[in-house]
Each structure stands twice: as C-alpha cells, then as structure tokens.
Amino acid sequence: MRRFNLITLIIAVCLFFTPVVMAADTIPVGVPIPMTGWAAGSGEDYFKGIKMAIDEINESGGLLGKQLEIIRFDSKGFEPEVVMQAADYLCGQKKVASVHAGWAGWGQDVRAYGKYDAPFFADDGSQAAVDVFREDPKKYYNIYQTTDVGVEQAKSMFRMLMALPYEYPNKKVVIINTDDSWGLEVGDTLENNFKENGWKVSKRETVPYGTNEWGVILSQIRRIKPALIHIEIPSGQENITFIQQFLKKPADAIISLGWGITPREVVDALGESADGIVGEMPSGLPGPKAPNPAAQAWVDKFVKINNHQVPAGAWIAYTAVKAWAHAVEKVGDAYNFKDVNAYIQKNGYEGELGLIKWDKDNVLRAQKGAPVVHYQVQGGELQPIYTDPPLTPYPSGKFIKPRWIK
C-alpha cells in the first residue's frame, strides 16, 4: 500500500508539472479576429499580416529562443459580450503575452483588454475608443490603436476628393454610412467638410449592416444627380452589391468607398468592373510599386505568399507584431508587461516606411511611417494615387476618369 501511494504521488507530481514545462516552450499570442459574420473578410486580411510576422519570427529562431504560438478567437461582430469573452479567454485563461486584432470593438475592447496588462493592438480607428482610453490612461496603458481616428481619416478623404484632377459638374454629394461608431464619425465629418466648402449634401443615409438591396436609394441618387457619392461601410458585401446594382444604370458621379474599397473580398468580387472607384487605406504601405526597397521586398513577399496584392490592415497588423516582438527582445522578458509597454510607448518601431510612434493616447496618427494611402481601382487592382500626410500625388499613380462618367 505504501509503495502504491508513493507511485501515485510521483505520477500526480509529473502530471501537475508537465503542462507548465510544455507551455514554457512557446510564447502564446492572442488573435481575436472575426472568422464568421459580416467582418470575416477583413478579419482574414488582418490575420494574413499577423501570421506573416509570426512565421518570420519563428523561422528566424523564435522570440527569446521560443516559438510564438497563435491562439485565435472568433470575435464575430464585436458584440460586447463576445469582446469580453475574448479578453478573458486569451488574457485570463491562456495567459497570452500580447494580443493582435483588426477591428475590435470601438471602445468596448479597450475596457475588456484594459483589465489586463498584455499589450493589445487594435485597428479601431474610432474616437469612441480613444475617449474610453482617456477615462483612465494609466489603467488602459496597454491599449494601442494602429490607425488614426475616423474623424482624421475622413478629413484626409475629403482633401483627396477635392484634389482629384477632375472638374465636378456640380456641388451635390450623397453620403451613405453604417450605423456604428466608425461609420457615423466618418459620415458626420465628411458632411461638415462638404458644407463648409460650399457643397450641398443632397442625401445622407445611415444604413445597418446587411443592407444589400439598394434599389430605392439608387433611384433617389439618379433623381438627385450628384457629382460625388461617398459610401463608408467597413464590410465587403454591402459595398459589392451597391456597386453591382449602381453599374446597371450608373449616374455621372465619382464613387468613393472610403475604407470599404481596400478589403480584398471587394476587389476580388468586382474585378475590373470596379475600375475608377476611389478609396483609402489608413496606416497603409503602397503597392504594387512600393516607395523604397525595404517596402518593395515586403510587398513582393506578401504577394508571393498570398497570390494577391496587400489588402486593408495586413501591413499594419504585421508591423504591430514586429513592434511588440522588438520591444520584448529589448526588455528580455515577454511577460514583463510594464517594461514592454514602456518601451513601445517611448521608442515606437522602425518599419518599412520609417519610424512609427504612438501619441499620448496610444494612437498611431497618420505619419510618414504609417500614411493614409488613397487608391483608385485600375485593372481590377488597387493603384495608389495619393499618400497623406502631407497629401501628395503618388509617383507611380495617376487618376483616371471613371468609364461610366460621360
């Protein structure tokens, strides 16, 4: 009996310690990315950038000699309870060393991941998220936005639309946006900018996600005859169906899809029928012809891996992983969250386009190292025509008048 008890004790001790030894062999990285629902397409775009960075680190020997392990969580449509579940699962249960997301919750993610200390990178681009951060910067010190807010992006969109080498036949604009924080921020800002510059906002429509029948709105647009139509819907299917239905009987108007032109699913679905549409990618890296050799090498590698050009969010999601890993290397401990966060905030990261730095709100404002890139679809692919700041024509790009405009 004594021998049996001793053997049992030894087995129990081994079982208790074995998982800890196994877990110590890797560094877990949380990736709460939509895998189902309306944002799944852009979620896949972000994931390609994240995975590319983690694969590079692992192939080069890992981080601090350990391989990085991706732990995914389906953040679906960013419902508050799902966002909280993701944070508790990844940070509370899995004890990840960092979290890398794309769209992530427009503020509710700040509260969810602010309960923990692991660096959390999100691409919310929302003033609502920044406002939550400002409630308690010390509590939310681990939260990083990888793009500027919707208000500033909308101002850049407006500057680009006014800079196009095109003479608008009138000053009437239609604005369509979603009924979330992002859509409303962009829609409100554009409306104010147009009005301040003598334009008439002939129609402003706020629509829910899942709007795919555009007949009534298109009939109104054809009666209005605007010179410009801007749509701000951060989802693929709504943009695809609008363009498909618009082109059946097009109006003589410039079409701007804002951020909505840059998810890969949009250009994949529309192909050359989308030629002439303009839009933008915040915190983007211009391609297929990049501005310098390092950026070109990155674009070429991404295309080789994925067989398509760089979509929305892929490069900045990649860069956020690299910025975190660089900080960990300098600190020497992936779980010394205090020092890792302090290093990121103080030093930023030297990326393919130059140094990027987060501001006092931990927001990556539009800057030389992470510009807003404005595109036009040409030949079924995104061609950069401007970068901002400052708003500058892209050397290899040229705006072409859309074929549907008489």
Protein backbone atom coordinates (compact mmCIF):
# COMPACT_ATOMS: atom_id res chain seq x y z
CA MET A 1 0.00 0.00 0.00
CA ARG A 2 2.85 2.38 0.86
CA ARG A 3 4.52 1.59 -2.48
CA PHE A 4 1.22 2.23 -4.31
CA ASN A 5 0.81 5.60 -2.57
CA LEU A 6 4.36 6.59 -3.46
CA ILE A 7 3.88 5.71 -7.13
CA THR A 8 0.57 7.59 -7.16
CA LEU A 9 2.25 10.64 -5.65
CA ILE A 10 5.04 10.56 -8.25
CA ILE A 11 2.54 10.29 -11.11
CA ALA A 12 0.46 13.16 -9.71
CA VAL A 13 3.53 15.38 -9.40
CA CYS A 14 4.55 14.60 -13.01
CA LEU A 15 1.08 15.32 -14.32
CA PHE A 16 0.97 18.59 -12.39
CA PHE A 17 4.27 19.91 -13.73
CA THR A 18 4.23 18.58 -17.31
CA PRO A 19 1.80 21.22 -18.74
CA VAL A 20 3.89 24.01 -17.24
CA VAL A 21 7.04 22.69 -18.93
CA MET A 22 5.21 22.33 -22.26
CA ALA A 23 3.69 25.80 -22.03
CA ALA A 24 7.13 27.29 -21.29
CA ASP A 25 8.36 26.05 -24.69
CA THR A 26 6.22 28.62 -26.55
CA ILE A 27 5.02 32.17 -26.12
CA PRO A 28 1.27 32.36 -26.79
CA VAL A 29 -0.04 35.30 -28.82
CA GLY A 30 -3.75 36.11 -28.82
CA VAL A 31 -5.50 36.86 -32.11
CA PRO A 32 -9.18 37.85 -31.67
CA ILE A 33 -10.16 38.11 -35.33
CA PRO A 34 -13.61 37.72 -36.93
CA MET A 35 -13.78 34.29 -38.56
CA THR A 36 -17.55 34.36 -39.11
CA GLY A 37 -20.08 37.12 -39.72
CA TRP A 38 -20.01 40.40 -41.62
CA ALA A 39 -16.36 41.22 -40.80
CA ALA A 40 -14.87 37.80 -41.61
CA GLY A 41 -13.36 39.03 -44.88
CA SER A 42 -11.41 41.88 -43.32
CA GLY A 43 -10.58 39.60 -40.39
CA GLU A 44 -8.80 37.29 -42.80
CA ASP A 45 -6.92 40.27 -44.27
CA TYR A 46 -5.60 41.25 -40.84
CA PHE A 47 -4.74 37.64 -40.00
CA LYS A 48 -2.55 37.29 -43.08
CA GLY A 49 -0.35 40.13 -41.84
CA ILE A 50 -0.22 38.80 -38.29
CA LYS A 51 0.65 35.28 -39.42
CA MET A 52 3.32 36.54 -41.81
CA ALA A 53 5.08 38.36 -38.95
CA ILE A 54 4.83 35.42 -36.54
CA ASP A 55 6.06 32.97 -39.19
CA GLU A 56 9.06 35.20 -39.86
CA ILE A 57 9.92 35.37 -36.17
CA ASN A 58 9.56 31.61 -35.71
CA GLU A 59 11.59 30.83 -38.84
CA SER A 60 14.41 33.05 -37.56
CA GLY A 61 14.67 31.14 -34.27
CA GLY A 62 11.72 32.49 -32.33
CA LEU A 63 11.45 35.22 -29.73
CA LEU A 64 13.94 34.94 -26.87
CA GLY A 65 14.61 31.42 -28.16
CA LYS A 66 10.95 30.36 -28.00
CA GLN A 67 8.45 29.81 -30.78
CA LEU A 68 5.37 32.01 -30.92
CA GLU A 69 2.04 30.19 -30.76
CA ILE A 70 -1.07 31.75 -32.28
CA ILE A 71 -4.26 31.36 -30.24
CA ARG A 72 -7.27 32.53 -32.25
CA PHE A 73 -10.69 33.61 -31.05
CA ASP A 74 -13.64 34.34 -33.29
CA SER A 75 -14.66 37.88 -32.39
CA LYS A 76 -17.64 37.65 -34.81
CA GLY A 77 -19.43 41.03 -34.98
CA PHE A 78 -17.72 42.55 -31.91
CA GLU A 79 -20.78 42.18 -29.70
CA PRO A 80 -19.84 43.47 -26.20
CA GLU A 81 -20.22 40.05 -24.57
CA VAL A 82 -18.07 38.41 -27.27
CA VAL A 83 -15.33 41.02 -26.89
CA MET A 84 -15.27 40.44 -23.13
CA GLN A 85 -15.20 36.66 -23.59
CA ALA A 86 -12.26 37.00 -25.95
CA ALA A 87 -10.26 39.08 -23.47
CA ASP A 88 -11.00 36.77 -20.55
CA TYR A 89 -10.17 33.68 -22.60
CA LEU A 90 -6.95 34.96 -24.18
CA CYS A 91 -5.53 37.03 -21.33
CA GLY A 92 -7.23 35.42 -18.33
CA GLN A 93 -7.12 31.72 -19.27
CA LYS A 94 -4.45 31.35 -21.96
CA LYS A 95 -2.11 33.96 -20.45
CA VAL A 96 -1.06 35.32 -23.83
CA ALA A 97 1.92 37.67 -23.97
CA SER A 98 0.27 40.06 -26.44
CA VAL A 99 -2.97 40.45 -28.39
CA HIS A 100 -3.24 41.45 -32.06
CA ALA A 101 -6.57 42.32 -33.63
CA GLY A 102 -8.02 44.29 -36.51
CA TRP A 103 -11.41 45.90 -35.99
CA ALA A 104 -12.03 45.01 -32.37
CA GLY A 105 -14.96 46.82 -30.78
CA TRP A 106 -14.76 50.63 -30.99
CA GLY A 107 -14.25 51.15 -27.25
CA GLN A 108 -15.66 48.05 -25.59
CA ASP A 109 -12.38 46.32 -26.48
CA VAL A 110 -10.45 48.99 -24.58
CA ARG A 111 -12.42 48.18 -21.43
CA ALA A 112 -12.14 44.42 -21.96
CA TYR A 113 -8.37 44.24 -22.53
CA GLY A 114 -7.62 47.13 -20.18
CA LYS A 115 -8.42 44.74 -17.31
CA TYR A 116 -5.15 43.01 -18.15
CA ASP A 117 -1.61 44.23 -18.89
CA ALA A 118 -0.61 42.36 -22.06
CA PRO A 119 -0.10 44.79 -24.97
CA PHE A 120 -3.27 44.94 -27.08
CA PHE A 121 -3.13 46.24 -30.67
CA ALA A 122 -6.39 47.12 -32.44
CA ASP A 123 -7.28 48.89 -35.68
CA ASP A 124 -10.47 50.51 -34.40
CA GLY A 125 -9.79 53.95 -35.83
CA SER A 126 -12.54 55.24 -33.58
CA GLN A 127 -12.76 58.35 -31.43
CA ALA A 128 -15.07 56.32 -29.20
CA ALA A 129 -12.15 54.00 -28.39
CA VAL A 130 -9.88 56.96 -27.70
CA ASP A 131 -12.49 58.51 -25.40
CA VAL A 132 -12.56 55.33 -23.30
CA PHE A 133 -8.75 55.35 -23.15
CA ARG A 134 -8.81 58.94 -21.90
CA GLU A 135 -11.08 57.98 -18.99
CA ASP A 136 -8.06 56.39 -17.32
CA PRO A 137 -4.79 56.37 -19.33
CA LYS A 138 -2.94 54.63 -16.51
CA LYS A 139 -5.43 51.76 -16.47
CA TYR A 140 -5.53 51.44 -20.26
CA TYR A 141 -1.79 51.98 -20.78
CA ASN A 142 -1.52 48.66 -22.66
CA ILE A 143 -4.01 49.60 -25.40
CA TYR A 144 -2.61 50.64 -28.81
CA GLN A 145 -4.60 51.89 -31.80
CA THR A 146 -2.79 51.10 -35.05
CA THR A 147 -4.59 53.73 -37.10
CA ASP A 148 -5.78 57.29 -36.77
CA VAL A 149 -9.39 58.01 -35.79
CA GLY A 150 -12.28 58.19 -38.25
CA VAL A 151 -12.52 61.98 -38.00
CA GLU A 152 -8.94 62.46 -39.20
CA GLN A 153 -9.25 59.80 -41.87
CA ALA A 154 -12.42 61.47 -43.15
CA LYS A 155 -10.58 64.80 -43.40
CA SER A 156 -7.91 63.08 -45.46
CA MET A 157 -10.60 61.54 -47.69
CA PHE A 158 -12.10 64.98 -48.26
CA ARG A 159 -8.72 66.51 -49.12
CA MET A 160 -8.10 63.75 -51.66
CA LEU A 161 -11.55 64.10 -53.25
CA MET A 162 -11.04 67.84 -53.63
CA ALA A 163 -7.53 67.33 -55.06
CA LEU A 164 -8.56 64.96 -57.85
CA PRO A 165 -7.70 66.32 -61.31
CA TYR A 166 -11.38 66.29 -62.21
CA GLU A 167 -13.92 69.09 -62.68
CA TYR A 168 -17.08 68.21 -60.78
CA PRO A 169 -20.19 69.15 -62.81
CA ASN A 170 -21.96 70.37 -59.67
CA LYS A 171 -21.51 70.53 -55.90
CA LYS A 172 -24.01 67.92 -54.84
CA VAL A 173 -22.89 64.92 -52.78
CA VAL A 174 -24.61 61.83 -51.37
CA ILE A 175 -23.16 60.24 -48.22
CA ILE A 176 -24.06 56.72 -47.09
CA ASN A 177 -22.64 55.22 -43.90
CA THR A 178 -23.24 52.45 -41.39
CA ASP A 179 -24.91 52.98 -38.03
CA ASP A 180 -21.82 52.29 -35.90
CA SER A 181 -19.16 54.47 -34.31
CA TRP A 182 -16.86 54.34 -37.36
CA GLY A 183 -19.49 54.99 -39.99
CA LEU A 184 -21.06 57.86 -38.07
CA GLU A 185 -17.70 59.52 -37.32
CA VAL A 186 -16.69 59.45 -40.97
CA GLY A 187 -20.14 60.42 -42.25
CA ASP A 188 -20.52 63.35 -39.86
CA THR A 189 -17.02 64.67 -40.60
CA LEU A 190 -17.47 64.47 -44.36
CA GLU A 191 -20.86 66.15 -44.18
CA ASN A 192 -19.39 69.07 -42.20
CA ASN A 193 -16.42 69.41 -44.56
CA PHE A 194 -18.58 69.42 -47.67
CA LYS A 195 -20.97 72.00 -46.25
CA GLU A 196 -18.13 74.24 -45.07
CA ASN A 197 -16.76 74.22 -48.62
CA GLY A 198 -19.98 75.17 -50.37
CA TRP A 199 -21.26 71.71 -51.26
CA LYS A 200 -24.84 70.56 -50.79
CA VAL A 201 -25.29 67.24 -49.02
CA SER A 202 -28.31 66.24 -51.10
CA LYS A 203 -28.79 62.97 -49.26
CA ARG A 204 -27.34 61.48 -46.07
CA GLU A 205 -28.32 57.87 -45.44
CA THR A 206 -27.37 55.76 -42.40
CA VAL A 207 -27.86 52.05 -43.07
CA PRO A 208 -27.50 48.88 -40.98
CA TYR A 209 -25.06 46.10 -41.78
CA GLY A 210 -26.62 43.56 -44.10
CA THR A 211 -28.11 46.16 -46.46
CA ASN A 212 -27.77 44.55 -49.88
CA GLU A 213 -30.83 45.82 -51.73
CA TRP A 214 -30.10 49.35 -52.97
CA GLY A 215 -32.93 49.95 -55.43
CA VAL A 216 -34.72 52.71 -53.52
CA ILE A 217 -31.54 54.61 -52.63
CA LEU A 218 -30.21 54.30 -56.18
CA SER A 219 -33.46 55.65 -57.59
CA GLN A 220 -33.12 58.68 -55.32
CA ILE A 221 -29.49 59.13 -56.36
CA ARG A 222 -30.44 59.10 -60.05
CA ARG A 223 -33.02 61.84 -59.42
CA ILE A 224 -30.54 63.92 -57.40
CA LYS A 225 -27.73 63.57 -59.99
CA PRO A 226 -24.89 64.21 -57.54
CA ALA A 227 -21.33 64.78 -58.69
CA LEU A 228 -19.98 62.59 -55.91
CA ILE A 229 -21.18 59.59 -53.89
CA HIS A 230 -19.27 58.56 -50.77
CA ILE A 231 -20.03 55.27 -49.03
CA GLU A 232 -18.46 54.38 -45.69
CA ILE A 233 -19.29 50.78 -44.87
CA PRO A 234 -16.50 48.71 -43.23
CA SER A 235 -17.75 45.45 -44.67
CA GLY A 236 -17.42 43.76 -48.04
CA GLN A 237 -20.80 42.51 -49.19
CA GLU A 238 -22.66 45.82 -48.87
CA ASN A 239 -20.05 47.62 -51.00
CA ILE A 240 -20.05 44.82 -53.58
CA THR A 241 -23.82 44.78 -54.01
CA PHE A 242 -24.06 48.58 -54.17
CA ILE A 243 -21.53 48.79 -57.00
CA GLN A 244 -23.07 45.88 -58.89
CA GLN A 245 -26.51 47.50 -58.74
CA PHE A 246 -25.18 51.02 -59.41
CA LEU A 247 -23.42 49.91 -62.59
CA LYS A 248 -26.64 48.56 -64.10
CA LYS A 249 -27.69 52.18 -64.61
CA PRO A 250 -24.83 54.41 -63.44
CA ALA A 251 -25.01 58.09 -62.58
CA ASP A 252 -22.37 60.60 -63.68
CA ALA A 253 -20.69 60.63 -60.28
CA ILE A 254 -17.32 59.90 -58.73
CA ILE A 255 -17.73 56.88 -56.43
CA SER A 256 -15.71 56.85 -53.21
CA LEU A 257 -15.92 53.77 -50.99
CA GLY A 258 -13.54 55.10 -48.35
CA TRP A 259 -12.05 52.26 -46.32
CA GLY A 260 -14.51 49.87 -47.96
CA ILE A 261 -12.52 49.61 -51.21
CA THR A 262 -9.49 48.02 -49.52
CA PRO A 263 -10.76 44.68 -48.09
CA ARG A 264 -9.57 42.02 -50.52
CA GLU A 265 -13.01 40.48 -50.97
CA VAL A 266 -14.27 43.67 -52.64
CA VAL A 267 -11.77 43.83 -55.49
CA ASP A 268 -11.84 40.04 -55.82
CA ALA A 269 -15.61 40.10 -56.34
CA LEU A 270 -15.82 43.18 -58.57
CA GLY A 271 -12.64 42.84 -60.62
CA GLU A 272 -12.28 45.32 -63.47
CA SER A 273 -15.92 46.37 -63.12
CA ALA A 274 -14.70 48.41 -60.14
CA ASP A 275 -12.19 50.34 -62.25
CA GLY A 276 -12.50 54.04 -61.47
CA ILE A 277 -13.69 53.73 -57.85
CA VAL A 278 -11.56 55.53 -55.26
CA GLY A 279 -10.97 54.74 -51.59
CA GLU A 280 -8.36 54.75 -48.85
CA MET A 281 -6.31 52.57 -46.54
CA PRO A 282 -5.14 54.10 -43.24
CA SER A 283 -1.72 53.05 -41.96
CA GLY A 284 -1.02 51.57 -45.35
CA LEU A 285 2.00 50.53 -47.36
CA PRO A 286 1.60 51.50 -51.04
CA GLY A 287 1.87 48.73 -53.61
CA PRO A 288 2.31 47.04 -56.00
CA LYS A 289 5.11 49.56 -56.64
CA ALA A 290 6.37 50.47 -53.17
CA PRO A 291 8.24 53.67 -52.29
CA ASN A 292 11.57 52.11 -51.24
CA PRO A 293 13.48 48.80 -51.48
CA ALA A 294 12.52 47.56 -48.00
CA ALA A 295 8.83 48.19 -48.64
CA GLN A 296 9.07 46.61 -52.09
CA ALA A 297 10.66 43.49 -50.64
CA TRP A 298 7.80 43.27 -48.14
CA VAL A 299 5.13 43.69 -50.82
CA ASP A 300 6.80 41.09 -53.05
CA LYS A 301 6.97 38.59 -50.20
CA PHE A 302 3.34 39.15 -49.22
CA VAL A 303 2.19 38.67 -52.82
CA LYS A 304 4.28 35.51 -53.16
CA ILE A 305 2.69 34.03 -50.03
CA ASN A 306 -0.91 35.09 -50.71
CA ASN A 307 -1.12 35.43 -54.50
CA HIS A 308 -2.73 38.87 -54.33
CA GLN A 309 -1.89 42.47 -53.53
CA VAL A 310 -1.84 43.85 -50.00
CA PRO A 311 -5.36 44.34 -48.56
CA ALA A 312 -6.62 46.59 -45.76
CA GLY A 313 -4.90 46.13 -42.43
CA ALA A 314 -2.40 43.42 -43.40
CA TRP A 315 0.76 45.51 -43.28
CA ILE A 316 -0.03 47.43 -40.09
CA ALA A 317 -1.11 44.23 -38.31
CA TYR A 318 2.22 42.71 -39.36
CA THR A 319 4.05 45.82 -38.14
CA ALA A 320 2.32 45.75 -34.75
CA VAL A 321 3.54 42.18 -34.16
CA LYS A 322 7.07 43.20 -35.10
CA ALA A 323 6.91 46.30 -32.87
CA TRP A 324 5.84 44.16 -29.90
CA ALA A 325 8.49 41.48 -30.58
CA HIS A 326 11.20 44.13 -30.89
CA ALA A 327 10.22 45.58 -27.51
CA VAL A 328 10.27 42.11 -25.93
CA GLU A 329 13.78 41.50 -27.28
CA LYS A 330 14.98 44.77 -25.78
CA VAL A 331 13.34 44.07 -22.40
CA GLY A 332 14.30 40.39 -22.34
CA ASP A 333 11.02 39.09 -20.92
CA ALA A 334 7.72 38.76 -22.80
CA TYR A 335 5.78 38.85 -19.53
CA ASN A 336 7.38 41.97 -18.10
CA PHE A 337 4.38 43.90 -19.36
CA LYS A 338 5.28 47.12 -17.58
CA ASP A 339 8.66 47.45 -19.30
CA VAL A 340 7.48 46.12 -22.68
CA ASN A 341 4.68 48.69 -22.80
CA ALA A 342 7.01 51.44 -21.67
CA TYR A 343 9.48 50.57 -24.43
CA ILE A 344 6.79 50.64 -27.14
CA GLN A 345 5.44 53.98 -25.93
CA LYS A 346 8.87 55.59 -25.72
CA ASN A 347 10.60 54.19 -28.80
CA GLY A 348 7.97 53.15 -31.34
CA TYR A 349 9.28 50.95 -34.13
CA GLU A 350 11.31 51.33 -37.31
CA GLY A 351 9.16 49.81 -40.06
CA GLU A 352 9.49 49.50 -43.83
CA LEU A 353 8.37 53.12 -44.35
CA GLY A 354 10.34 54.57 -41.44
CA LEU A 355 9.82 55.20 -37.74
CA ILE A 356 6.29 54.89 -36.35
CA LYS A 357 5.36 56.28 -32.94
CA TRP A 358 2.19 56.26 -30.87
CA ASP A 359 0.99 59.53 -29.34
CA LYS A 360 -0.07 60.25 -25.74
CA ASP A 361 -3.39 58.48 -26.39
CA ASN A 362 -1.51 55.43 -27.74
CA VAL A 363 -2.93 56.22 -31.18
CA LEU A 364 -0.83 55.77 -34.30
CA ARG A 365 -1.72 59.03 -36.00
CA ALA A 366 -1.21 59.34 -39.74
CA GLN A 367 2.50 59.92 -40.25
CA LYS A 368 5.30 59.32 -42.74
CA GLY A 369 5.97 55.82 -41.41
CA ALA A 370 2.27 54.89 -41.49
CA PRO A 371 0.46 57.12 -44.01
CA VAL A 372 -3.09 57.17 -45.28
CA VAL A 373 -2.90 55.73 -48.79
CA HIS A 374 -5.58 56.78 -51.29
CA TYR A 375 -6.31 54.39 -54.15
CA GLN A 376 -8.18 54.07 -57.39
CA VAL A 377 -9.13 50.67 -58.77
CA GLN A 378 -7.40 50.24 -62.13
CA GLY A 379 -7.24 46.93 -63.97
CA GLY A 380 -9.10 45.27 -61.11
CA GLU A 381 -6.37 46.17 -58.59
CA LEU A 382 -5.70 48.99 -56.14
CA GLN A 383 -3.38 51.64 -57.53
CA PRO A 384 -2.15 54.30 -55.06
CA ILE A 385 -2.79 57.82 -56.32
CA TYR A 386 -2.10 59.89 -53.17
CA THR A 387 -0.47 59.50 -49.77
CA ASP A 388 -1.11 61.68 -46.72
CA PRO A 389 0.40 63.46 -44.72
CA PRO A 390 1.05 65.69 -46.46
CA LEU A 391 -1.39 64.96 -49.25
CA THR A 392 0.94 64.17 -52.15
CA PRO A 393 0.35 62.54 -55.55
CA TYR A 394 1.90 59.07 -55.54
CA PRO A 395 4.77 58.95 -58.07
CA SER A 396 3.63 55.83 -59.95
CA GLY A 397 -0.10 56.59 -59.75
CA LYS A 398 -2.46 58.62 -61.92
CA PHE A 399 -6.18 59.25 -61.51
CA ILE A 400 -8.31 58.07 -64.44
CA LYS A 401 -11.84 59.37 -65.06
CA PRO A 402 -14.29 56.51 -64.47
CA ARG A 403 -15.67 55.00 -67.67
CA TRP A 404 -19.32 55.44 -66.55
CA ILE A 405 -19.00 59.24 -66.44
CA LYS A 406 -20.00 60.74 -69.79
